[in-house]
PDB file of N, CA and C in Angstrom:
ATOM      1  N   MET A   1       0.742  20.112  25.108  1.00  0.00           N
ATOM      2  CA  MET A   1       1.905  20.866  24.389  1.00  0.00           C
ATOM      3  C   MET A   1       1.119  22.012  23.612  1.00  0.00           C
ATOM      4  N   ALA A   2       1.715  23.182  23.740  1.00  0.00           N
ATOM      5  CA  ALA A   2       1.211  24.345  23.133  1.00  0.00           C
ATOM      6  C   ALA A   2       1.563  24.344  21.741  1.00  0.00           C
ATOM      7  N   ASP A   3       0.744  24.996  20.811  1.00  0.00           N
ATOM      8  CA  ASP A   3       1.051  25.047  19.286  1.00  0.00           C
ATOM      9  C   ASP A   3       2.556  25.773  19.044  1.00  0.00           C
ATOM     10  N   ASP A   4       3.024  26.597  20.008  1.00  0.00           N
ATOM     11  CA  ASP A   4       4.168  27.275  19.530  1.00  0.00           C
ATOM     12  C   ASP A   4       5.531  26.651  20.205  1.00  0.00           C
ATOM     13  N   ASP A   5       5.235  25.481  20.775  1.00  0.00           N
ATOM     14  CA  ASP A   5       6.380  24.645  21.431  1.00  0.00           C
ATOM     15  C   ASP A   5       6.931  23.780  20.345  1.00  0.00           C
ATOM     16  N   LYS A   6       8.424  23.793  20.579  1.00  0.00           N
ATOM     17  CA  LYS A   6       9.160  22.814  19.728  1.00  0.00           C
ATOM     18  C   LYS A   6       8.726  21.453  19.828  1.00  0.00           C
ATOM     19  N   MET A   7       8.637  20.650  18.699  1.00  0.00           N
ATOM     20  CA  MET A   7       8.159  19.407  18.629  1.00  0.00           C
ATOM     21  C   MET A   7       8.983  18.608  17.830  1.00  0.00           C
ATOM     22  N   TYR A   8       8.916  17.163  17.980  1.00  0.00           N
ATOM     23  CA  TYR A   8       9.656  16.182  17.230  1.00  0.00           C
ATOM     24  C   TYR A   8       8.725  15.212  16.770  1.00  0.00           C
ATOM     25  N   MET A   9       8.806  14.913  15.451  1.00  0.00           N
ATOM     26  CA  MET A   9       8.057  13.883  14.775  1.00  0.00           C
ATOM     27  C   MET A   9       8.947  12.699  14.547  1.00  0.00           C
ATOM     28  N   LEU A  10       8.590  11.584  15.248  1.00  0.00           N
ATOM     29  CA  LEU A  10       9.199  10.327  15.094  1.00  0.00           C
ATOM     30  C   LEU A  10       8.582   9.557  13.792  1.00  0.00           C
ATOM     31  N   ASN A  11       9.383   9.443  12.891  1.00  0.00           N
ATOM     32  CA  ASN A  11       9.027   8.539  11.627  1.00  0.00           C
ATOM     33  C   ASN A  11       9.552   7.131  11.544  1.00  0.00           C
ATOM     34  N   ALA A  12       8.888   6.199  11.443  1.00  0.00           N
ATOM     35  CA  ALA A  12       9.270   4.888  11.317  1.00  0.00           C
ATOM     36  C   ALA A  12       8.592   4.376   9.983  1.00  0.00           C
ATOM     37  N   LEU A  13       9.634   3.902   9.123  1.00  0.00           N
ATOM     38  CA  LEU A  13       9.131   3.538   7.691  1.00  0.00           C
ATOM     39  C   LEU A  13       9.464   2.179   7.242  1.00  0.00           C
ATOM     40  N   TRP A  14       8.596   1.739   6.464  1.00  0.00           N
ATOM     41  CA  TRP A  14       8.688   0.196   5.967  1.00  0.00           C
ATOM     42  C   TRP A  14       8.720   0.398   4.437  1.00  0.00           C
ATOM     43  N   TYR A  15       9.775   0.284   3.880  1.00  0.00           N
ATOM     44  CA  TYR A  15       9.843   0.342   2.278  1.00  0.00           C
ATOM     45  C   TYR A  15       9.012  -0.756   1.488  1.00  0.00           C
ATOM     46  N   LYS A  16       8.584  -0.355   0.384  1.00  0.00           N
ATOM     47  CA  LYS A  16       8.188  -1.246  -0.637  1.00  0.00           C
ATOM     48  C   LYS A  16       9.286  -2.035  -1.098  1.00  0.00           C
ATOM     49  N   PRO A  17       9.141  -3.328  -1.407  1.00  0.00           N
ATOM     50  CA  PRO A  17      10.145  -4.204  -2.154  1.00  0.00           C
ATOM     51  C   PRO A  17      10.548  -3.545  -3.475  1.00  0.00           C
ATOM     52  N   ASP A  18      11.564  -3.858  -4.097  1.00  0.00           N
ATOM     53  CA  ASP A  18      12.026  -3.531  -5.320  1.00  0.00           C
ATOM     54  C   ASP A  18      12.178  -1.987  -5.495  1.00  0.00           C
ATOM     55  N   GLY A  19      13.270  -1.437  -4.646  1.00  0.00           N
ATOM     56  CA  GLY A  19      13.607   0.002  -4.923  1.00  0.00           C
ATOM     57  C   GLY A  19      13.000   0.846  -3.959  1.00  0.00           C
ATOM     58  N   GLY A  20      12.202   0.488  -3.042  1.00  0.00           N
ATOM     59  CA  GLY A  20      11.601   1.468  -2.044  1.00  0.00           C
ATOM     60  C   GLY A  20      12.614   2.421  -1.409  1.00  0.00           C
ATOM     61  N   ALA A  21      13.787   1.890  -0.956  1.00  0.00           N
ATOM     62  CA  ALA A  21      14.690   2.851  -0.292  1.00  0.00           C
ATOM     63  C   ALA A  21      15.145   3.891  -1.329  1.00  0.00           C
ATOM     64  N   ALA A  22      15.628   3.544  -2.550  1.00  0.00           N
ATOM     65  CA  ALA A  22      15.880   4.433  -3.449  1.00  0.00           C
ATOM     66  C   ALA A  22      14.770   5.403  -3.743  1.00  0.00           C
ATOM     67  N   LYS A  23      13.714   5.068  -3.779  1.00  0.00           N
ATOM     68  CA  LYS A  23      12.494   6.000  -4.154  1.00  0.00           C
ATOM     69  C   LYS A  23      12.316   6.973  -3.039  1.00  0.00           C
ATOM     70  N   TYR A  24      12.518   6.455  -1.803  1.00  0.00           N
ATOM     71  CA  TYR A  24      12.424   7.214  -0.493  1.00  0.00           C
ATOM     72  C   TYR A  24      13.394   8.323  -0.672  1.00  0.00           C
ATOM     73  N   GLN A  25      14.649   7.853  -1.010  1.00  0.00           N
ATOM     74  CA  GLN A  25      15.774   9.025  -1.134  1.00  0.00           C
ATOM     75  C   GLN A  25      15.424  10.019  -2.113  1.00  0.00           C
ATOM     76  N   GLU A  26      14.688   9.680  -3.256  1.00  0.00           N
ATOM     77  CA  GLU A  26      14.135  10.798  -4.191  1.00  0.00           C
ATOM     78  C   GLU A  26      13.242  11.708  -3.496  1.00  0.00           C
ATOM     79  N   TYR A  27      12.201  11.196  -2.717  1.00  0.00           N
ATOM     80  CA  TYR A  27      11.270  11.730  -1.923  1.00  0.00           C
ATOM     81  C   TYR A  27      12.050  12.804  -0.945  1.00  0.00           C
ATOM     82  N   LEU A  28      12.987  12.274  -0.331  1.00  0.00           N
ATOM     83  CA  LEU A  28      13.741  13.174   0.757  1.00  0.00           C
ATOM     84  C   LEU A  28      14.281  14.257  -0.033  1.00  0.00           C
ATOM     85  N   ASP A  29      15.066  14.104  -1.251  1.00  0.00           N
ATOM     86  CA  ASP A  29      15.613  15.056  -2.026  1.00  0.00           C
ATOM     87  C   ASP A  29      14.800  16.229  -2.287  1.00  0.00           C
ATOM     88  N   ALA A  30      13.362  15.937  -2.651  1.00  0.00           N
ATOM     89  CA  ALA A  30      12.325  16.841  -2.999  1.00  0.00           C
ATOM     90  C   ALA A  30      11.926  17.410  -1.840  1.00  0.00           C
ATOM     91  N   ALA A  31      11.559  16.694  -0.705  1.00  0.00           N
ATOM     92  CA  ALA A  31      10.940  17.381   0.433  1.00  0.00           C
ATOM     93  C   ALA A  31      11.852  18.107   1.436  1.00  0.00           C
ATOM     94  N   LEU A  32      13.070  17.696   1.514  1.00  0.00           N
ATOM     95  CA  LEU A  32      13.993  18.420   2.512  1.00  0.00           C
ATOM     96  C   LEU A  32      14.026  19.827   2.434  1.00  0.00           C
ATOM     97  N   PRO A  33      14.255  20.364   1.088  1.00  0.00           N
ATOM     98  CA  PRO A  33      14.210  22.109   1.031  1.00  0.00           C
ATOM     99  C   PRO A  33      13.044  22.609   1.543  1.00  0.00           C
ATOM    100  N   HIS A  34      12.030  21.884   1.544  1.00  0.00           N
ATOM    101  CA  HIS A  34      10.709  22.700   2.090  1.00  0.00           C
ATOM    102  C   HIS A  34      10.518  22.353   3.568  1.00  0.00           C
ATOM    103  N   VAL A  35      11.144  21.226   4.116  1.00  0.00           N
ATOM    104  CA  VAL A  35      11.230  21.104   5.547  1.00  0.00           C
ATOM    105  C   VAL A  35      12.135  22.143   6.117  1.00  0.00           C
ATOM    106  N   LYS A  36      13.267  22.424   5.491  1.00  0.00           N
ATOM    107  CA  LYS A  36      14.139  23.601   5.936  1.00  0.00           C
ATOM    108  C   LYS A  36      13.525  24.831   5.924  1.00  0.00           C
ATOM    109  N   ARG A  37      12.904  24.955   4.828  1.00  0.00           N
ATOM    110  CA  ARG A  37      12.037  26.291   4.636  1.00  0.00           C
ATOM    111  C   ARG A  37      11.070  26.706   5.692  1.00  0.00           C
ATOM    112  N   TYR A  38      10.510  25.690   6.326  1.00  0.00           N
ATOM    113  CA  TYR A  38       9.546  25.824   7.410  1.00  0.00           C
ATOM    114  C   TYR A  38      10.264  25.598   8.767  1.00  0.00           C
ATOM    115  N   GLY A  39      11.511  25.676   8.800  1.00  0.00           N
ATOM    116  CA  GLY A  39      12.349  25.502  10.126  1.00  0.00           C
ATOM    117  C   GLY A  39      12.519  24.169  10.546  1.00  0.00           C
ATOM    118  N   GLY A  40      12.076  23.114   9.801  1.00  0.00           N
ATOM    119  CA  GLY A  40      12.358  21.797  10.238  1.00  0.00           C
ATOM    120  C   GLY A  40      13.775  21.286  10.210  1.00  0.00           C
ATOM    121  N   ARG A  41      14.198  20.249  10.981  1.00  0.00           N
ATOM    122  CA  ARG A  41      15.481  19.786  10.871  1.00  0.00           C
ATOM    123  C   ARG A  41      15.472  18.232  10.954  1.00  0.00           C
ATOM    124  N   LEU A  42      15.953  17.516   9.941  1.00  0.00           N
ATOM    125  CA  LEU A  42      15.980  16.073  10.037  1.00  0.00           C
ATOM    126  C   LEU A  42      17.225  15.641  10.964  1.00  0.00           C
ATOM    127  N   THR A  43      16.992  14.872  11.983  1.00  0.00           N
ATOM    128  CA  THR A  43      18.055  14.590  12.704  1.00  0.00           C
ATOM    129  C   THR A  43      18.775  13.199  12.250  1.00  0.00           C
ATOM    130  N   ASP A  44      19.551  12.639  12.966  1.00  0.00           N
ATOM    131  CA  ASP A  44      20.187  11.299  12.463  1.00  0.00           C
ATOM    132  C   ASP A  44      19.164  10.337  12.156  1.00  0.00           C
ATOM    133  N   SER A  45      19.494   9.413  11.025  1.00  0.00           N
ATOM    134  CA  SER A  45      18.564   8.298  10.733  1.00  0.00           C
ATOM    135  C   SER A  45      19.209   7.149  11.227  1.00  0.00           C
ATOM    136  N   TYR A  46      18.338   6.230  11.411  1.00  0.00           N
ATOM    137  CA  TYR A  46      18.651   4.876  12.041  1.00  0.00           C
ATOM    138  C   TYR A  46      18.040   3.655  11.231  1.00  0.00           C
ATOM    139  N   HIS A  47      18.789   2.651  11.024  1.00  0.00           N
ATOM    140  CA  HIS A  47      18.411   1.343  10.561  1.00  0.00           C
ATOM    141  C   HIS A  47      18.276   0.418  11.803  1.00  0.00           C
ATOM    142  N   PRO A  48      16.946   0.189  12.203  1.00  0.00           N
ATOM    143  CA  PRO A  48      16.897  -0.758  13.271  1.00  0.00           C
ATOM    144  C   PRO A  48      17.511  -2.088  13.209  1.00  0.00           C
ATOM    145  N   ASP A  49      18.303  -2.513  13.971  1.00  0.00           N
ATOM    146  CA  ASP A  49      19.003  -3.757  13.886  1.00  0.00           C
ATOM    147  C   ASP A  49      18.204  -4.984  14.406  1.00  0.00           C
ATOM    148  N   GLU A  50      17.593  -4.778  15.561  1.00  0.00           N
ATOM    149  CA  GLU A  50      16.946  -5.836  16.196  1.00  0.00           C
ATOM    150  C   GLU A  50      16.030  -5.402  17.298  1.00  0.00           C
ATOM    151  N   SER A  51      14.752  -6.042  17.315  1.00  0.00           N
ATOM    152  CA  SER A  51      13.816  -5.611  18.249  1.00  0.00           C
ATOM    153  C   SER A  51      14.058  -6.455  19.496  1.00  0.00           C
ATOM    154  N   LEU A  52      14.351  -5.947  20.689  1.00  0.00           N
ATOM    155  CA  LEU A  52      14.681  -6.730  21.836  1.00  0.00           C
ATOM    156  C   LEU A  52      13.449  -7.004  22.704  1.00  0.00           C
ATOM    157  N   ILE A  53      12.339  -6.186  22.661  1.00  0.00           N
ATOM    158  CA  ILE A  53      11.219  -6.189  23.455  1.00  0.00           C
ATOM    159  C   ILE A  53      10.219  -5.638  22.506  1.00  0.00           C
ATOM    160  N   GLY A  54       9.091  -6.600  22.115  1.00  0.00           N
ATOM    161  CA  GLY A  54       8.072  -6.274  21.258  1.00  0.00           C
ATOM    162  C   GLY A  54       8.421  -6.484  19.760  1.00  0.00           C
ATOM    163  N   GLU A  55       7.453  -6.321  18.906  1.00  0.00           N
ATOM    164  CA  GLU A  55       7.629  -6.545  17.510  1.00  0.00           C
ATOM    165  C   GLU A  55       7.851  -5.103  16.768  1.00  0.00           C
ATOM    166  N   PHE A  56       8.817  -5.060  16.092  1.00  0.00           N
ATOM    167  CA  PHE A  56       9.269  -3.782  15.417  1.00  0.00           C
ATOM    168  C   PHE A  56      10.271  -4.027  14.407  1.00  0.00           C
ATOM    169  N   ASP A  57       9.867  -3.925  13.109  1.00  0.00           N
ATOM    170  CA  ASP A  57      10.871  -4.304  12.019  1.00  0.00           C
ATOM    171  C   ASP A  57      10.774  -3.334  11.009  1.00  0.00           C
ATOM    172  N   ALA A  58      10.838  -2.005  11.485  1.00  0.00           N
ATOM    173  CA  ALA A  58      10.842  -0.939  10.446  1.00  0.00           C
ATOM    174  C   ALA A  58      12.212  -0.938   9.692  1.00  0.00           C
ATOM    175  N   ASP A  59      12.166  -0.408   8.474  1.00  0.00           N
ATOM    176  CA  ASP A  59      13.455  -0.250   7.731  1.00  0.00           C
ATOM    177  C   ASP A  59      14.450   0.929   8.002  1.00  0.00           C
ATOM    178  N   LEU A  60      13.624   2.039   8.471  1.00  0.00           N
ATOM    179  CA  LEU A  60      14.336   3.232   8.747  1.00  0.00           C
ATOM    180  C   LEU A  60      13.526   4.042   9.875  1.00  0.00           C
ATOM    181  N   VAL A  61      14.173   4.728  10.846  1.00  0.00           N
ATOM    182  CA  VAL A  61      13.584   5.421  11.850  1.00  0.00           C
ATOM    183  C   VAL A  61      14.407   6.813  11.939  1.00  0.00           C
ATOM    184  N   PHE A  62      13.704   7.880  12.191  1.00  0.00           N
ATOM    185  CA  PHE A  62      14.393   9.123  12.288  1.00  0.00           C
ATOM    186  C   PHE A  62      13.419  10.158  13.018  1.00  0.00           C
ATOM    187  N   PHE A  63      14.001  11.226  13.478  1.00  0.00           N
ATOM    188  CA  PHE A  63      13.122  12.419  13.952  1.00  0.00           C
ATOM    189  C   PHE A  63      13.295  13.597  13.094  1.00  0.00           C
ATOM    190  N   VAL A  64      12.131  14.249  13.077  1.00  0.00           N
ATOM    191  CA  VAL A  64      12.403  15.529  12.471  1.00  0.00           C
ATOM    192  C   VAL A  64      12.034  16.670  13.371  1.00  0.00           C
ATOM    193  N   GLU A  65      12.749  17.432  13.779  1.00  0.00           N
ATOM    194  CA  GLU A  65      12.606  18.594  14.709  1.00  0.00           C
ATOM    195  C   GLU A  65      11.787  19.796  14.100  1.00  0.00           C
ATOM    196  N   TRP A  66      10.681  20.284  14.669  1.00  0.00           N
ATOM    197  CA  TRP A  66       9.986  21.241  14.145  1.00  0.00           C
ATOM    198  C   TRP A  66       9.976  22.395  15.175  1.00  0.00           C
ATOM    199  N   PRO A  67      10.035  23.650  14.785  1.00  0.00           N
ATOM    200  CA  PRO A  67       9.969  24.783  15.880  1.00  0.00           C
ATOM    201  C   PRO A  67       8.574  24.914  16.568  1.00  0.00           C
ATOM    202  N   SER A  68       7.599  24.344  15.830  1.00  0.00           N
ATOM    203  CA  SER A  68       6.345  24.454  16.384  1.00  0.00           C
ATOM    204  C   SER A  68       5.271  23.679  15.589  1.00  0.00           C
ATOM    205  N   GLN A  69       4.110  23.461  16.116  1.00  0.00           N
ATOM    206  CA  GLN A  69       3.034  22.551  15.556  1.00  0.00           C
ATOM    207  C   GLN A  69       2.529  23.538  14.210  1.00  0.00           C
ATOM    208  N   LYS A  70       2.600  24.871  14.337  1.00  0.00           N
ATOM    209  CA  LYS A  70       2.056  25.725  13.352  1.00  0.00           C
ATOM    210  C   LYS A  70       3.194  25.418  12.057  1.00  0.00           C
ATOM    211  N   SER A  71       4.535  25.651  12.393  1.00  0.00           N
ATOM    212  CA  SER A  71       5.294  25.421  11.272  1.00  0.00           C
ATOM    213  C   SER A  71       5.221  24.016  10.631  1.00  0.00           C
ATOM    214  N   PHE A  72       4.841  22.976  11.295  1.00  0.00           N
ATOM    215  CA  PHE A  72       4.632  21.666  10.677  1.00  0.00           C
ATOM    216  C   PHE A  72       3.427  21.809   9.820  1.00  0.00           C
ATOM    217  N   ASP A  73       2.283  22.318  10.460  1.00  0.00           N
ATOM    218  CA  ASP A  73       1.183  22.421   9.591  1.00  0.00           C
ATOM    219  C   ASP A  73       1.291  23.281   8.375  1.00  0.00           C
ATOM    220  N   LYS A  74       2.106  24.249   8.286  1.00  0.00           N
ATOM    221  CA  LYS A  74       2.245  25.165   7.190  1.00  0.00           C
ATOM    222  C   LYS A  74       3.069  24.175   6.055  1.00  0.00           C
ATOM    223  N   PHE A  75       4.015  23.460   6.583  1.00  0.00           N
ATOM    224  CA  PHE A  75       4.798  22.498   5.704  1.00  0.00           C
ATOM    225  C   PHE A  75       3.912  21.587   5.118  1.00  0.00           C
ATOM    226  N   ARG A  76       3.070  20.946   5.759  1.00  0.00           N
ATOM    227  CA  ARG A  76       2.264  19.771   5.279  1.00  0.00           C
ATOM    228  C   ARG A  76       0.967  20.261   4.438  1.00  0.00           C
ATOM    229  N   LEU A  77       0.873  21.553   4.624  1.00  0.00           N
ATOM    230  CA  LEU A  77      -0.315  22.099   3.603  1.00  0.00           C
ATOM    231  C   LEU A  77       0.178  22.892   2.427  1.00  0.00           C
ATOM    232  N   ASP A  78       1.374  23.105   2.412  1.00  0.00           N
ATOM    233  CA  ASP A  78       1.933  23.616   1.202  1.00  0.00           C
ATOM    234  C   ASP A  78       1.778  23.026  -0.041  1.00  0.00           C
ATOM    235  N   PRO A  79       1.410  23.548  -1.047  1.00  0.00           N
ATOM    236  CA  PRO A  79       0.942  22.894  -2.394  1.00  0.00           C
ATOM    237  C   PRO A  79       2.362  22.189  -2.994  1.00  0.00           C
ATOM    238  N   ASP A  80       3.421  22.810  -2.815  1.00  0.00           N
ATOM    239  CA  ASP A  80       4.573  22.300  -3.371  1.00  0.00           C
ATOM    240  C   ASP A  80       5.040  20.953  -2.503  1.00  0.00           C
ATOM    241  N   VAL A  81       4.759  20.987  -1.297  1.00  0.00           N
ATOM    242  CA  VAL A  81       5.022  19.676  -0.532  1.00  0.00           C
ATOM    243  C   VAL A  81       4.084  18.655  -0.915  1.00  0.00           C
ATOM    244  N   LYS A  82       2.841  19.056  -1.318  1.00  0.00           N
ATOM    245  CA  LYS A  82       1.831  17.968  -1.522  1.00  0.00           C
ATOM    246  C   LYS A  82       2.087  17.270  -2.840  1.00  0.00           C
ATOM    247  N   LYS A  83       3.056  17.985  -3.805  1.00  0.00           N
ATOM    248  CA  LYS A  83       3.257  17.474  -4.875  1.00  0.00           C
ATOM    249  C   LYS A  83       4.241  16.320  -4.756  1.00  0.00           C
ATOM    250  N   THR A  84       4.966  16.181  -3.631  1.00  0.00           N
ATOM    251  CA  THR A  84       6.093  15.181  -3.416  1.00  0.00           C
ATOM    252  C   THR A  84       5.375  13.999  -2.861  1.00  0.00           C
ATOM    253  N   LYS A  85       3.993  14.005  -2.522  1.00  0.00           N
ATOM    254  CA  LYS A  85       3.381  12.818  -1.903  1.00  0.00           C
ATOM    255  C   LYS A  85       3.373  11.473  -2.814  1.00  0.00           C
ATOM    256  N   LEU A  86       3.338  11.696  -4.240  1.00  0.00           N
ATOM    257  CA  LEU A  86       3.319  10.499  -4.942  1.00  0.00           C
ATOM    258  C   LEU A  86       4.764   9.816  -4.886  1.00  0.00           C
ATOM    259  N   LEU A  87       5.870  10.636  -4.721  1.00  0.00           N
ATOM    260  CA  LEU A  87       7.256   9.991  -4.571  1.00  0.00           C
ATOM    261  C   LEU A  87       7.187   9.121  -3.323  1.00  0.00           C
ATOM    262  N   ARG A  88       6.604   9.661  -2.157  1.00  0.00           N
ATOM    263  CA  ARG A  88       6.535   9.047  -0.965  1.00  0.00           C
ATOM    264  C   ARG A  88       5.845   7.652  -0.996  1.00  0.00           C
ATOM    265  N   GLU A  89       4.699   7.877  -1.600  1.00  0.00           N
ATOM    266  CA  GLU A  89       3.800   6.697  -1.879  1.00  0.00           C
ATOM    267  C   GLU A  89       4.247   5.641  -2.539  1.00  0.00           C
ATOM    268  N   ALA A  90       5.162   5.947  -3.565  1.00  0.00           N
ATOM    269  CA  ALA A  90       5.778   4.839  -4.412  1.00  0.00           C
ATOM    270  C   ALA A  90       6.921   4.216  -3.707  1.00  0.00           C
ATOM    271  N   ALA A  91       7.348   4.754  -2.536  1.00  0.00           N
ATOM    272  CA  ALA A  91       8.598   4.181  -1.757  1.00  0.00           C
ATOM    273  C   ALA A  91       8.071   3.457  -0.513  1.00  0.00           C
ATOM    274  N   ILE A  92       6.986   3.825   0.149  1.00  0.00           N
ATOM    275  CA  ILE A  92       6.660   3.290   1.398  1.00  0.00           C
ATOM    276  C   ILE A  92       5.383   2.430   1.422  1.00  0.00           C
ATOM    277  N   ARG A  93       5.481   1.179   2.078  1.00  0.00           N
ATOM    278  CA  ARG A  93       4.290   0.358   2.151  1.00  0.00           C
ATOM    279  C   ARG A  93       3.636   0.617   3.511  1.00  0.00           C
ATOM    280  N   ASP A  94       4.348   1.068   4.438  1.00  0.00           N
ATOM    281  CA  ASP A  94       3.853   1.491   5.756  1.00  0.00           C
ATOM    282  C   ASP A  94       4.400   2.450   6.434  1.00  0.00           C
ATOM    283  N   SER A  95       3.922   3.164   7.286  1.00  0.00           N
ATOM    284  CA  SER A  95       4.742   4.209   8.146  1.00  0.00           C
ATOM    285  C   SER A  95       4.031   4.426   9.424  1.00  0.00           C
ATOM    286  N   LEU A  96       4.658   5.012  10.416  1.00  0.00           N
ATOM    287  CA  LEU A  96       4.185   5.662  11.555  1.00  0.00           C
ATOM    288  C   LEU A  96       4.769   7.050  11.650  1.00  0.00           C
ATOM    289  N   LEU A  97       4.015   8.033  12.105  1.00  0.00           N
ATOM    290  CA  LEU A  97       4.319   9.272  12.288  1.00  0.00           C
ATOM    291  C   LEU A  97       3.833   9.708  13.702  1.00  0.00           C
ATOM    292  N   ILE A  98       4.671  10.035  14.599  1.00  0.00           N
ATOM    293  CA  ILE A  98       4.339  10.147  16.127  1.00  0.00           C
ATOM    294  C   ILE A  98       4.809  11.452  16.514  1.00  0.00           C
ATOM    295  N   ARG A  99       3.951  12.433  16.967  1.00  0.00           N
ATOM    296  CA  ARG A  99       4.427  13.653  17.570  1.00  0.00           C
ATOM    297  C   ARG A  99       4.808  13.367  18.898  1.00  0.00           C
ATOM    298  N   CYS A 100       6.128  14.039  19.268  1.00  0.00           N
ATOM    299  CA  CYS A 100       6.784  13.815  20.573  1.00  0.00           C
ATOM    300  C   CYS A 100       7.202  15.168  21.141  1.00  0.00           C
ATOM    301  N   SER A 101       7.266  15.125  22.347  1.00  0.00           N
ATOM    302  CA  SER A 101       8.033  16.466  23.017  1.00  0.00           C
ATOM    303  C   SER A 101       9.045  15.890  23.739  1.00  0.00           C
ATOM    304  N   LYS A 102       9.996  16.745  23.858  1.00  0.00           N
ATOM    305  CA  LYS A 102      11.356  16.417  24.739  1.00  0.00           C
ATOM    306  C   LYS A 102      11.057  16.617  26.277  1.00  0.00           C
ATOM    307  N   ILE A 103      11.574  15.620  27.065  1.00  0.00           N
ATOM    308  CA  ILE A 103      11.418  15.750  28.344  1.00  0.00           C
ATOM    309  C   ILE A 103      12.611  16.210  29.174  1.00  0.00           C
TER     310      ILE A 103
END
């Protein structure tokens, strides 16, 4: 994948007990304006109901579409985005972030 190709980041999240979901919404409220500023777009979000093959018990999964790796890198290195990190850490006990390309 070239650095200027559109990419998709798969996010799988496991919330902390006692309010992790609400705290993650606070993080999204703070982070999404920055995602949009760098050309990212949050797609539909899903609550996995049941894992039919393998073990997977995430609380939330979604994709963020990015125009390029460069735009994602600018987003994650932005000092204002880094300030939202504490909100995310207060909400999430575990996560996966997987770079994907459309076929």
